[in-house]
Amino acid sequence: MRRLRVAVIILLIVVIVLVGAFCPYEKLLPAYNIPARLAGELRVHFLSVGEGDCTVVEFPDGAIVVIDAGGGGFYHTAAAVRYIKGLAARSVSYVVTHADSDHYGGMLKLISSCGADALYLPVLDGESAYYKKLLSFAANASIPVKRLSRYATFLNASGAYMVCLSPYSAGETDENDSSAVLYLAYGGVRFLFCADITAVRERRLLRDYALDRHIFDSGDCSVRLEGIDFLKVSHHGSAYSSCEEWLGLLSPVNAVITSGAGNRYHHPALQAAARLSAAGARVFRTDELGSFAVSVIDGAYSVNTDRRS
């Protein structure tokens, strides 16, 4: 009897190993039960992935754009996979805002589990073996790959659009300040996703905008930075981002900070929090709320914090 039990255990281990080798666990994960999108509704999902970024823009026609994918930890990546599966997207595009591991670490697992119609990469590539593995996977899977720089535009038949404001296409050297800054507009509601830029890049963008208020416009897609409805705060609320001048222009009604509970960087920094408070922004934090979503419909928005973390 004991030999039989041992044999059964060994057989189970072999089966688990074989399943893991040929069918990654992420593919087996069940989707979260997320309410269906309403007609004409755009949703922006801020996912809790610890000390990292993962934001999903869900357009009214069911196409989604996943901006970053967290650091790749087991729990948070599994949750992101289940969340994206729960959206039952019509098409899925991915953006790596820059090559810090807390932004792309979970990207390969998301793509392999949820599929990909396009992958947008930063101007500056990463040097790690895992980043190179991501590039190799995309090439082998024939996923269209594009570089993301100023004036790159995501258009949707609903009238929603997203425009890249930064970085410039050439001459970039700093990894944080070359990360992608994205502007999203729909029905008069506007979002700004600032990745990991510092005050240096914020002030550069301010100077550009001061020279010409239309400088970031892309074709018929206008970009207006005054009175942003939702600001995805730079660099998880770092003290070296969200400078007073930048917040003075944006005057964000709401600010979103993506950071991990008890993170070793002590994000968000007290200085950044104070500047956001002085700017009058209502702050939403993934380390406190977990994942949450913003719904935009008929020119109005609402925040739903009843989401799985």
C-alpha atoms as a PDB file:
ATOM      1  CA  MET A   1       0.000   0.000   0.000  1.00  0.00           C
ATOM      2  CA  ARG A   2       2.806   2.401   0.874  1.00  0.00           C
ATOM      3  CA  ARG A   3       4.523   1.676  -2.436  1.00  0.00           C
ATOM      4  CA  LEU A   4       1.284   2.430  -4.233  1.00  0.00           C
ATOM      5  CA  ARG A   5       0.939   5.797  -2.462  1.00  0.00           C
ATOM      6  CA  VAL A   6       4.527   6.701  -3.334  1.00  0.00           C
ATOM      7  CA  ALA A   7       3.941   5.707  -6.954  1.00  0.00           C
ATOM      8  CA  VAL A   8       0.787   7.853  -7.120  1.00  0.00           C
ATOM      9  CA  ILE A   9       2.632  10.843  -5.625  1.00  0.00           C
ATOM     10  CA  ILE A  10       5.476  10.446  -8.107  1.00  0.00           C
ATOM     11  CA  LEU A  11       2.982  10.195 -10.964  1.00  0.00           C
ATOM     12  CA  LEU A  12       1.219  13.369  -9.816  1.00  0.00           C
ATOM     13  CA  ILE A  13       4.528  15.232  -9.633  1.00  0.00           C
ATOM     14  CA  VAL A  14       5.425  14.095 -13.150  1.00  0.00           C
ATOM     15  CA  VAL A  15       2.012  15.201 -14.449  1.00  0.00           C
ATOM     16  CA  ILE A  16       2.346  18.618 -12.781  1.00  0.00           C
ATOM     17  CA  VAL A  17       5.839  19.105 -14.222  1.00  0.00           C
ATOM     18  CA  LEU A  18       4.697  18.116 -17.721  1.00  0.00           C
ATOM     19  CA  VAL A  19       1.632  20.369 -17.567  1.00  0.00           C
ATOM     20  CA  GLY A  20       3.813  23.256 -16.368  1.00  0.00           C
ATOM     21  CA  ALA A  21       6.299  22.660 -19.173  1.00  0.00           C
ATOM     22  CA  PHE A  22       3.766  22.545 -22.006  1.00  0.00           C
ATOM     23  CA  CYS A  23       0.952  24.666 -20.590  1.00  0.00           C
ATOM     24  CA  PRO A  24       2.097  27.564 -18.370  1.00  0.00           C
ATOM     25  CA  TYR A  25      -0.009  28.005 -15.252  1.00  0.00           C
ATOM     26  CA  GLU A  26      -1.186  31.453 -16.375  1.00  0.00           C
ATOM     27  CA  LYS A  27      -3.186  29.901 -19.219  1.00  0.00           C
ATOM     28  CA  LEU A  28      -5.124  27.814 -16.703  1.00  0.00           C
ATOM     29  CA  LEU A  29      -6.092  30.734 -14.479  1.00  0.00           C
ATOM     30  CA  PRO A  30      -9.819  31.557 -14.455  1.00  0.00           C
ATOM     31  CA  ALA A  31     -10.980  35.036 -15.400  1.00  0.00           C
ATOM     32  CA  TYR A  32     -12.203  37.452 -12.771  1.00  0.00           C
ATOM     33  CA  ASN A  33     -15.921  38.189 -12.937  1.00  0.00           C
ATOM     34  CA  ILE A  34     -15.832  41.812 -14.067  1.00  0.00           C
ATOM     35  CA  PRO A  35     -19.118  43.572 -14.954  1.00  0.00           C
ATOM     36  CA  ALA A  36     -19.671  44.002 -18.666  1.00  0.00           C
ATOM     37  CA  ARG A  37     -18.892  47.394 -20.159  1.00  0.00           C
ATOM     38  CA  LEU A  38     -21.927  49.564 -20.901  1.00  0.00           C
ATOM     39  CA  ALA A  39     -22.652  50.872 -24.381  1.00  0.00           C
ATOM     40  CA  GLY A  40     -20.435  53.875 -25.055  1.00  0.00           C
ATOM     41  CA  GLU A  41     -18.434  53.365 -21.867  1.00  0.00           C
ATOM     42  CA  LEU A  42     -14.652  53.753 -21.620  1.00  0.00           C
ATOM     43  CA  ARG A  43     -12.928  52.302 -18.568  1.00  0.00           C
ATOM     44  CA  VAL A  44      -9.440  52.800 -17.196  1.00  0.00           C
ATOM     45  CA  HIS A  45      -8.353  50.057 -14.798  1.00  0.00           C
ATOM     46  CA  PHE A  46      -5.507  50.800 -12.410  1.00  0.00           C
ATOM     47  CA  LEU A  47      -4.232  47.397 -11.304  1.00  0.00           C
ATOM     48  CA  SER A  48      -2.501  46.752  -8.014  1.00  0.00           C
ATOM     49  CA  VAL A  49       0.803  45.057  -8.878  1.00  0.00           C
ATOM     50  CA  GLY A  50       2.905  46.059  -5.883  1.00  0.00           C
ATOM     51  CA  GLU A  51       5.688  48.566  -6.465  1.00  0.00           C
ATOM     52  CA  GLY A  52       5.110  48.792 -10.197  1.00  0.00           C
ATOM     53  CA  ASP A  53       2.733  49.949 -12.910  1.00  0.00           C
ATOM     54  CA  CYS A  54      -0.050  48.194 -14.795  1.00  0.00           C
ATOM     55  CA  THR A  55      -2.907  50.202 -16.264  1.00  0.00           C
ATOM     56  CA  VAL A  56      -5.522  48.911 -18.704  1.00  0.00           C
ATOM     57  CA  VAL A  57      -7.358  51.303 -21.000  1.00  0.00           C
ATOM     58  CA  GLU A  58     -10.586  49.640 -22.169  1.00  0.00           C
ATOM     59  CA  PHE A  59     -12.089  51.446 -25.152  1.00  0.00           C
ATOM     60  CA  PRO A  60     -15.853  51.475 -25.841  1.00  0.00           C
ATOM     61  CA  ASP A  61     -15.510  48.978 -28.709  1.00  0.00           C
ATOM     62  CA  GLY A  62     -13.771  46.381 -26.536  1.00  0.00           C
ATOM     63  CA  ALA A  63     -10.194  47.010 -27.651  1.00  0.00           C
ATOM     64  CA  ILE A  64      -7.766  47.375 -24.743  1.00  0.00           C
ATOM     65  CA  VAL A  65      -4.305  48.839 -24.315  1.00  0.00           C
ATOM     66  CA  VAL A  66      -2.268  47.455 -21.412  1.00  0.00           C
ATOM     67  CA  ILE A  67       0.225  50.055 -20.207  1.00  0.00           C
ATOM     68  CA  ASP A  68       3.037  48.217 -18.390  1.00  0.00           C
ATOM     69  CA  ALA A  69       2.745  44.911 -16.559  1.00  0.00           C
ATOM     70  CA  GLY A  70       4.258  45.180 -13.104  1.00  0.00           C
ATOM     71  CA  GLY A  71       7.407  43.480 -11.888  1.00  0.00           C
ATOM     72  CA  GLY A  72       6.445  39.898 -12.673  1.00  0.00           C
ATOM     73  CA  GLY A  73       5.876  38.553  -9.150  1.00  0.00           C
ATOM     74  CA  PHE A  74       3.722  35.411  -9.034  1.00  0.00           C
ATOM     75  CA  TYR A  75       0.728  36.797  -7.133  1.00  0.00           C
ATOM     76  CA  HIS A  76       0.419  40.150  -8.876  1.00  0.00           C
ATOM     77  CA  THR A  77       1.032  38.740 -12.360  1.00  0.00           C
ATOM     78  CA  ALA A  78      -1.568  36.021 -11.837  1.00  0.00           C
ATOM     79  CA  ALA A  79      -4.071  38.648 -10.675  1.00  0.00           C
ATOM     80  CA  ALA A  80      -3.344  40.830 -13.726  1.00  0.00           C
ATOM     81  CA  VAL A  81      -3.818  37.858 -16.068  1.00  0.00           C
ATOM     82  CA  ARG A  82      -7.155  37.008 -14.457  1.00  0.00           C
ATOM     83  CA  TYR A  83      -8.246  40.650 -14.603  1.00  0.00           C
ATOM     84  CA  ILE A  84      -7.421  41.036 -18.296  1.00  0.00           C
ATOM     85  CA  LYS A  85      -9.125  37.733 -19.110  1.00  0.00           C
ATOM     86  CA  GLY A  86     -12.195  39.045 -17.295  1.00  0.00           C
ATOM     87  CA  LEU A  87     -12.451  41.968 -19.713  1.00  0.00           C
ATOM     88  CA  ALA A  88     -12.936  39.606 -22.688  1.00  0.00           C
ATOM     89  CA  ALA A  89     -11.208  42.110 -24.965  1.00  0.00           C
ATOM     90  CA  ARG A  90     -11.778  42.350 -28.703  1.00  0.00           C
ATOM     91  CA  SER A  91      -8.081  43.108 -29.226  1.00  0.00           C
ATOM     92  CA  VAL A  92      -5.119  43.630 -26.905  1.00  0.00           C
ATOM     93  CA  SER A  93      -2.150  45.938 -27.414  1.00  0.00           C
ATOM     94  CA  TYR A  94       0.673  46.371 -24.916  1.00  0.00           C
ATOM     95  CA  VAL A  95       2.861  49.339 -24.044  1.00  0.00           C
ATOM     96  CA  VAL A  96       6.171  49.145 -22.199  1.00  0.00           C
ATOM     97  CA  THR A  97       6.692  52.718 -21.055  1.00  0.00           C
ATOM     98  CA  HIS A  98      10.325  52.061 -20.212  1.00  0.00           C
ATOM     99  CA  ALA A  99      12.744  49.272 -19.495  1.00  0.00           C
ATOM    100  CA  ASP A 100      12.647  49.173 -15.693  1.00  0.00           C
ATOM    101  CA  SER A 101      11.662  45.710 -14.499  1.00  0.00           C
ATOM    102  CA  ASP A 102       8.749  47.019 -12.414  1.00  0.00           C
ATOM    103  CA  HIS A 103       7.127  48.059 -15.689  1.00  0.00           C
ATOM    104  CA  TYR A 104       7.791  45.083 -17.975  1.00  0.00           C
ATOM    105  CA  GLY A 105       8.517  42.155 -15.626  1.00  0.00           C
ATOM    106  CA  GLY A 106       5.054  40.625 -16.051  1.00  0.00           C
ATOM    107  CA  MET A 107       4.668  41.498 -19.735  1.00  0.00           C
ATOM    108  CA  LEU A 108       5.779  38.176 -21.200  1.00  0.00           C
ATOM    109  CA  LYS A 109       3.316  36.215 -19.053  1.00  0.00           C
ATOM    110  CA  LEU A 110       0.469  38.607 -19.920  1.00  0.00           C
ATOM    111  CA  ILE A 111       1.163  38.311 -23.638  1.00  0.00           C
ATOM    112  CA  SER A 112       1.551  34.535 -23.615  1.00  0.00           C
ATOM    113  CA  SER A 113      -1.656  34.129 -21.585  1.00  0.00           C
ATOM    114  CA  CYS A 114      -3.923  36.777 -23.109  1.00  0.00           C
ATOM    115  CA  GLY A 115      -2.569  37.136 -26.643  1.00  0.00           C
ATOM    116  CA  ALA A 116      -1.256  40.271 -28.322  1.00  0.00           C
ATOM    117  CA  ASP A 117      -2.138  42.281 -31.411  1.00  0.00           C
ATOM    118  CA  ALA A 118       0.719  44.763 -31.013  1.00  0.00           C
ATOM    119  CA  LEU A 119       3.595  45.604 -28.689  1.00  0.00           C
ATOM    120  CA  TYR A 120       4.905  49.138 -28.217  1.00  0.00           C
ATOM    121  CA  LEU A 121       8.423  49.435 -26.823  1.00  0.00           C
ATOM    122  CA  PRO A 122      10.365  52.358 -25.348  1.00  0.00           C
ATOM    123  CA  VAL A 123      13.012  54.308 -27.242  1.00  0.00           C
ATOM    124  CA  LEU A 124      15.707  52.875 -24.957  1.00  0.00           C
ATOM    125  CA  ASP A 125      15.905  49.096 -24.653  1.00  0.00           C
ATOM    126  CA  GLY A 126      16.736  47.255 -21.460  1.00  0.00           C
ATOM    127  CA  GLU A 127      19.903  45.229 -21.013  1.00  0.00           C
ATOM    128  CA  SER A 128      18.533  42.398 -18.883  1.00  0.00           C
ATOM    129  CA  ALA A 129      18.217  38.850 -20.185  1.00  0.00           C
ATOM    130  CA  TYR A 130      14.483  38.906 -19.400  1.00  0.00           C
ATOM    131  CA  TYR A 131      13.903  42.023 -21.509  1.00  0.00           C
ATOM    132  CA  LYS A 132      15.747  40.400 -24.399  1.00  0.00           C
ATOM    133  CA  LYS A 133      13.589  37.303 -23.901  1.00  0.00           C
ATOM    134  CA  LEU A 134      10.497  39.495 -24.288  1.00  0.00           C
ATOM    135  CA  LEU A 135      11.824  40.877 -27.576  1.00  0.00           C
ATOM    136  CA  SER A 136      12.688  37.388 -28.798  1.00  0.00           C
ATOM    137  CA  PHE A 137       9.243  36.058 -27.874  1.00  0.00           C
ATOM    138  CA  ALA A 138       7.530  38.891 -29.775  1.00  0.00           C
ATOM    139  CA  ALA A 139       9.674  38.245 -32.852  1.00  0.00           C
ATOM    140  CA  ASN A 140       9.059  34.489 -32.798  1.00  0.00           C
ATOM    141  CA  ALA A 141       5.323  35.005 -32.306  1.00  0.00           C
ATOM    142  CA  SER A 142       5.200  37.541 -35.187  1.00  0.00           C
ATOM    143  CA  ILE A 143       3.723  40.199 -32.909  1.00  0.00           C
ATOM    144  CA  PRO A 144       3.990  43.630 -34.559  1.00  0.00           C
ATOM    145  CA  VAL A 145       6.507  45.715 -32.588  1.00  0.00           C
ATOM    146  CA  LYS A 146       6.707  49.517 -32.704  1.00  0.00           C
ATOM    147  CA  ARG A 147       8.752  52.144 -30.893  1.00  0.00           C
ATOM    148  CA  LEU A 148       6.775  54.621 -28.836  1.00  0.00           C
ATOM    149  CA  SER A 149       7.723  58.279 -29.166  1.00  0.00           C
ATOM    150  CA  ARG A 150       6.074  61.676 -29.529  1.00  0.00           C
ATOM    151  CA  TYR A 151       2.981  61.862 -31.753  1.00  0.00           C
ATOM    152  CA  ALA A 152       2.363  58.112 -31.767  1.00  0.00           C
ATOM    153  CA  THR A 153      -1.432  57.891 -31.603  1.00  0.00           C
ATOM    154  CA  PHE A 154      -3.992  55.260 -30.640  1.00  0.00           C
ATOM    155  CA  LEU A 155      -7.319  55.989 -32.350  1.00  0.00           C
ATOM    156  CA  ASN A 156     -10.649  54.368 -31.542  1.00  0.00           C
ATOM    157  CA  ALA A 157     -13.863  54.421 -33.551  1.00  0.00           C
ATOM    158  CA  SER A 158     -15.682  55.744 -30.462  1.00  0.00           C
ATOM    159  CA  GLY A 159     -13.808  59.028 -30.733  1.00  0.00           C
ATOM    160  CA  ALA A 160     -11.478  58.182 -27.856  1.00  0.00           C
ATOM    161  CA  TYR A 161      -7.789  58.608 -28.545  1.00  0.00           C
ATOM    162  CA  MET A 162      -4.436  58.382 -26.843  1.00  0.00           C
ATOM    163  CA  VAL A 163      -1.371  60.423 -27.833  1.00  0.00           C
ATOM    164  CA  CYS A 164       2.254  59.996 -26.784  1.00  0.00           C
ATOM    165  CA  LEU A 165       3.766  63.324 -25.666  1.00  0.00           C
ATOM    166  CA  SER A 166       7.222  62.126 -24.744  1.00  0.00           C
ATOM    167  CA  PRO A 167       9.928  60.943 -25.327  1.00  0.00           C
ATOM    168  CA  TYR A 168      11.502  62.416 -28.419  1.00  0.00           C
ATOM    169  CA  SER A 169      12.473  59.899 -31.055  1.00  0.00           C
ATOM    170  CA  ALA A 170      16.205  60.588 -30.869  1.00  0.00           C
ATOM    171  CA  GLY A 171      18.875  61.791 -28.467  1.00  0.00           C
ATOM    172  CA  GLU A 172      17.398  60.198 -25.343  1.00  0.00           C
ATOM    173  CA  THR A 173      19.870  58.964 -22.741  1.00  0.00           C
ATOM    174  CA  ASP A 174      18.068  58.902 -19.380  1.00  0.00           C
ATOM    175  CA  GLU A 175      15.909  55.816 -18.825  1.00  0.00           C
ATOM    176  CA  ASN A 176      13.349  57.438 -16.517  1.00  0.00           C
ATOM    177  CA  ASP A 177      12.981  60.672 -18.450  1.00  0.00           C
ATOM    178  CA  SER A 178      12.687  58.803 -21.750  1.00  0.00           C
ATOM    179  CA  SER A 179       9.700  56.825 -20.462  1.00  0.00           C
ATOM    180  CA  ALA A 180       6.450  57.275 -22.354  1.00  0.00           C
ATOM    181  CA  VAL A 181       3.996  59.986 -21.302  1.00  0.00           C
ATOM    182  CA  LEU A 182       0.509  59.260 -22.642  1.00  0.00           C
ATOM    183  CA  TYR A 183      -2.562  61.491 -22.900  1.00  0.00           C
ATOM    184  CA  LEU A 184      -6.032  59.923 -23.156  1.00  0.00           C
ATOM    185  CA  ALA A 185      -9.206  61.815 -24.035  1.00  0.00           C
ATOM    186  CA  TYR A 186     -12.815  60.679 -24.341  1.00  0.00           C
ATOM    187  CA  GLY A 187     -16.026  62.648 -24.094  1.00  0.00           C
ATOM    188  CA  GLY A 188     -14.269  65.661 -22.601  1.00  0.00           C
ATOM    189  CA  VAL A 189     -12.629  63.612 -19.825  1.00  0.00           C
ATOM    190  CA  ARG A 190      -8.831  63.576 -19.905  1.00  0.00           C
ATOM    191  CA  PHE A 191      -6.144  61.356 -18.395  1.00  0.00           C
ATOM    192  CA  LEU A 192      -2.383  61.780 -18.290  1.00  0.00           C
ATOM    193  CA  PHE A 193      -0.124  58.782 -17.608  1.00  0.00           C
ATOM    194  CA  CYS A 194       3.367  59.926 -16.649  1.00  0.00           C
ATOM    195  CA  ALA A 195       5.323  56.670 -16.236  1.00  0.00           C
ATOM    196  CA  ASP A 196       8.581  57.418 -14.371  1.00  0.00           C
ATOM    197  CA  ILE A 197       9.547  60.874 -15.610  1.00  0.00           C
ATOM    198  CA  THR A 198      11.254  63.222 -13.165  1.00  0.00           C
ATOM    199  CA  ALA A 199      10.844  66.956 -12.640  1.00  0.00           C
ATOM    200  CA  VAL A 200      13.543  67.471 -15.295  1.00  0.00           C
ATOM    201  CA  ARG A 201      11.284  66.077 -18.032  1.00  0.00           C
ATOM    202  CA  GLU A 202       8.184  67.681 -16.541  1.00  0.00           C
ATOM    203  CA  ARG A 203       9.818  71.112 -16.860  1.00  0.00           C
ATOM    204  CA  ARG A 204      10.944  70.335 -20.412  1.00  0.00           C
ATOM    205  CA  LEU A 205       7.382  69.467 -21.386  1.00  0.00           C
ATOM    206  CA  LEU A 206       6.206  72.659 -19.696  1.00  0.00           C
ATOM    207  CA  ARG A 207       8.646  74.717 -21.795  1.00  0.00           C
ATOM    208  CA  ASP A 208       7.445  73.031 -24.985  1.00  0.00           C
ATOM    209  CA  TYR A 209       3.803  73.691 -24.123  1.00  0.00           C
ATOM    210  CA  ALA A 210       4.537  77.315 -23.232  1.00  0.00           C
ATOM    211  CA  LEU A 211       6.036  77.855 -26.677  1.00  0.00           C
ATOM    212  CA  ASP A 212       3.000  76.459 -28.483  1.00  0.00           C
ATOM    213  CA  ARG A 213      -0.210  75.220 -26.883  1.00  0.00           C
ATOM    214  CA  HIS A 214      -0.744  72.945 -29.889  1.00  0.00           C
ATOM    215  CA  ILE A 215       2.719  71.389 -29.832  1.00  0.00           C
ATOM    216  CA  PHE A 216       1.505  67.971 -28.682  1.00  0.00           C
ATOM    217  CA  ASP A 217      -1.499  67.795 -31.031  1.00  0.00           C
ATOM    218  CA  SER A 218      -1.410  64.826 -33.368  1.00  0.00           C
ATOM    219  CA  GLY A 219      -3.526  65.387 -36.464  1.00  0.00           C
ATOM    220  CA  ASP A 220      -7.093  65.981 -35.313  1.00  0.00           C
ATOM    221  CA  CYS A 221      -6.265  64.716 -31.810  1.00  0.00           C
ATOM    222  CA  SER A 222      -5.831  67.773 -29.625  1.00  0.00           C
ATOM    223  CA  VAL A 223      -3.870  67.681 -26.372  1.00  0.00           C
ATOM    224  CA  ARG A 224      -4.779  70.173 -23.661  1.00  0.00           C
ATOM    225  CA  LEU A 225      -2.938  69.868 -20.378  1.00  0.00           C
ATOM    226  CA  GLU A 226      -4.841  72.394 -18.268  1.00  0.00           C
ATOM    227  CA  GLY A 227      -7.284  70.856 -15.797  1.00  0.00           C
ATOM    228  CA  ILE A 228      -6.472  67.157 -16.231  1.00  0.00           C
ATOM    229  CA  ASP A 229      -9.195  64.950 -14.740  1.00  0.00           C
ATOM    230  CA  PHE A 230      -6.917  62.032 -13.801  1.00  0.00           C
ATOM    231  CA  LEU A 231      -3.162  62.214 -13.431  1.00  0.00           C
ATOM    232  CA  LYS A 232      -1.273  58.938 -13.093  1.00  0.00           C
ATOM    233  CA  VAL A 233       1.450  60.400 -10.889  1.00  0.00           C
ATOM    234  CA  SER A 234       5.065  60.145 -12.046  1.00  0.00           C
ATOM    235  CA  HIS A 235       7.341  57.451 -10.608  1.00  0.00           C
ATOM    236  CA  HIS A 236       4.984  56.057  -7.958  1.00  0.00           C
ATOM    237  CA  GLY A 237       4.945  59.368  -6.092  1.00  0.00           C
ATOM    238  CA  SER A 238       8.692  59.937  -5.973  1.00  0.00           C
ATOM    239  CA  ALA A 239       9.967  63.078  -4.261  1.00  0.00           C
ATOM    240  CA  TYR A 240      11.831  63.906  -7.488  1.00  0.00           C
ATOM    241  CA  SER A 241       8.703  64.089  -9.631  1.00  0.00           C
ATOM    242  CA  SER A 242       5.408  66.013  -9.622  1.00  0.00           C
ATOM    243  CA  CYS A 243       7.069  69.409  -9.299  1.00  0.00           C
ATOM    244  CA  GLU A 244       4.990  72.462  -8.366  1.00  0.00           C
ATOM    245  CA  GLU A 245       5.184  74.040 -11.833  1.00  0.00           C
ATOM    246  CA  TRP A 246       3.963  70.836 -13.496  1.00  0.00           C
ATOM    247  CA  LEU A 247       1.050  70.424 -11.099  1.00  0.00           C
ATOM    248  CA  GLY A 248       0.314  74.127 -11.430  1.00  0.00           C
ATOM    249  CA  LEU A 249      -0.317  73.682 -15.160  1.00  0.00           C
ATOM    250  CA  LEU A 250      -2.162  70.364 -14.928  1.00  0.00           C
ATOM    251  CA  SER A 251      -4.318  71.298 -11.910  1.00  0.00           C
ATOM    252  CA  PRO A 252      -5.341  67.644 -11.651  1.00  0.00           C
ATOM    253  CA  VAL A 253      -8.778  66.987 -10.192  1.00  0.00           C
ATOM    254  CA  ASN A 254      -7.732  63.440  -9.286  1.00  0.00           C
ATOM    255  CA  ALA A 255      -4.311  61.830  -8.894  1.00  0.00           C
ATOM    256  CA  VAL A 256      -3.509  58.117  -9.001  1.00  0.00           C
ATOM    257  CA  ILE A 257      -0.413  56.744  -7.263  1.00  0.00           C
ATOM    258  CA  THR A 258       0.626  53.193  -8.134  1.00  0.00           C
ATOM    259  CA  SER A 259       2.833  51.885  -5.340  1.00  0.00           C
ATOM    260  CA  GLY A 260       3.249  48.807  -3.194  1.00  0.00           C
ATOM    261  CA  ALA A 261       2.272  48.639   0.469  1.00  0.00           C
ATOM    262  CA  GLY A 262       5.333  49.084   2.687  1.00  0.00           C
ATOM    263  CA  ASN A 263       7.662  49.465  -0.302  1.00  0.00           C
ATOM    264  CA  ARG A 264      11.361  50.007   0.413  1.00  0.00           C
ATOM    265  CA  TYR A 265      11.396  53.333  -1.446  1.00  0.00           C
ATOM    266  CA  HIS A 266       8.787  54.800   0.916  1.00  0.00           C
ATOM    267  CA  HIS A 267       6.609  55.822  -2.026  1.00  0.00           C
ATOM    268  CA  PRO A 268       4.675  57.991  -2.142  1.00  0.00           C
ATOM    269  CA  ALA A 269       7.122  60.521  -0.731  1.00  0.00           C
ATOM    270  CA  LEU A 270       5.793  63.040   1.763  1.00  0.00           C
ATOM    271  CA  GLN A 271       7.022  65.898  -0.440  1.00  0.00           C
ATOM    272  CA  ALA A 272       5.111  64.666  -3.494  1.00  0.00           C
ATOM    273  CA  ALA A 273       1.987  64.017  -1.422  1.00  0.00           C
ATOM    274  CA  ALA A 274       2.157  67.547  -0.054  1.00  0.00           C
ATOM    275  CA  ARG A 275       2.469  69.039  -3.537  1.00  0.00           C
ATOM    276  CA  LEU A 276      -0.506  67.029  -4.776  1.00  0.00           C
ATOM    277  CA  SER A 277      -2.547  68.166  -1.795  1.00  0.00           C
ATOM    278  CA  ALA A 278      -1.572  71.801  -2.407  1.00  0.00           C
ATOM    279  CA  ALA A 279      -2.688  71.399  -6.035  1.00  0.00           C
ATOM    280  CA  GLY A 280      -6.116  70.324  -4.777  1.00  0.00           C
ATOM    281  CA  ALA A 281      -6.010  66.801  -6.179  1.00  0.00           C
ATOM    282  CA  ARG A 282      -8.045  63.955  -4.720  1.00  0.00           C
ATOM    283  CA  VAL A 283      -5.588  61.064  -4.370  1.00  0.00           C
ATOM    284  CA  PHE A 284      -6.236  57.386  -5.084  1.00  0.00           C
ATOM    285  CA  ARG A 285      -3.512  54.879  -4.126  1.00  0.00           C
ATOM    286  CA  THR A 286      -3.250  51.246  -5.195  1.00  0.00           C
ATOM    287  CA  ASP A 287      -1.333  50.390  -2.003  1.00  0.00           C
ATOM    288  CA  GLU A 288      -4.456  51.396  -0.052  1.00  0.00           C
ATOM    289  CA  LEU A 289      -7.298  50.550  -2.444  1.00  0.00           C
ATOM    290  CA  GLY A 290      -5.945  47.663  -4.479  1.00  0.00           C
ATOM    291  CA  SER A 291      -7.122  47.629  -8.087  1.00  0.00           C
ATOM    292  CA  PHE A 292      -9.830  50.098  -9.078  1.00  0.00           C
ATOM    293  CA  ALA A 293     -11.437  51.463 -12.231  1.00  0.00           C
ATOM    294  CA  VAL A 294     -12.564  54.792 -13.637  1.00  0.00           C
ATOM    295  CA  SER A 295     -15.652  54.735 -15.855  1.00  0.00           C
ATOM    296  CA  VAL A 296     -16.322  57.438 -18.463  1.00  0.00           C
ATOM    297  CA  ILE A 297     -19.707  57.625 -20.150  1.00  0.00           C
ATOM    298  CA  ASP A 298     -21.764  60.493 -21.594  1.00  0.00           C
ATOM    299  CA  GLY A 299     -19.056  63.008 -20.665  1.00  0.00           C
ATOM    300  CA  ALA A 300     -19.060  62.132 -16.947  1.00  0.00           C
ATOM    301  CA  TYR A 301     -16.830  59.869 -14.888  1.00  0.00           C
ATOM    302  CA  SER A 302     -17.078  57.775 -11.755  1.00  0.00           C
ATOM    303  CA  VAL A 303     -14.544  55.820  -9.705  1.00  0.00           C
ATOM    304  CA  ASN A 304     -15.274  52.213  -8.748  1.00  0.00           C
ATOM    305  CA  THR A 305     -13.027  50.901  -5.999  1.00  0.00           C
ATOM    306  CA  ASP A 306     -14.933  47.600  -5.741  1.00  0.00           C
ATOM    307  CA  ARG A 307     -12.399  45.647  -7.772  1.00  0.00           C
ATOM    308  CA  ARG A 308     -10.329  42.573  -7.022  1.00  0.00           C
ATOM    309  CA  SER A 309      -6.768  43.387  -5.881  1.00  0.00           C
END
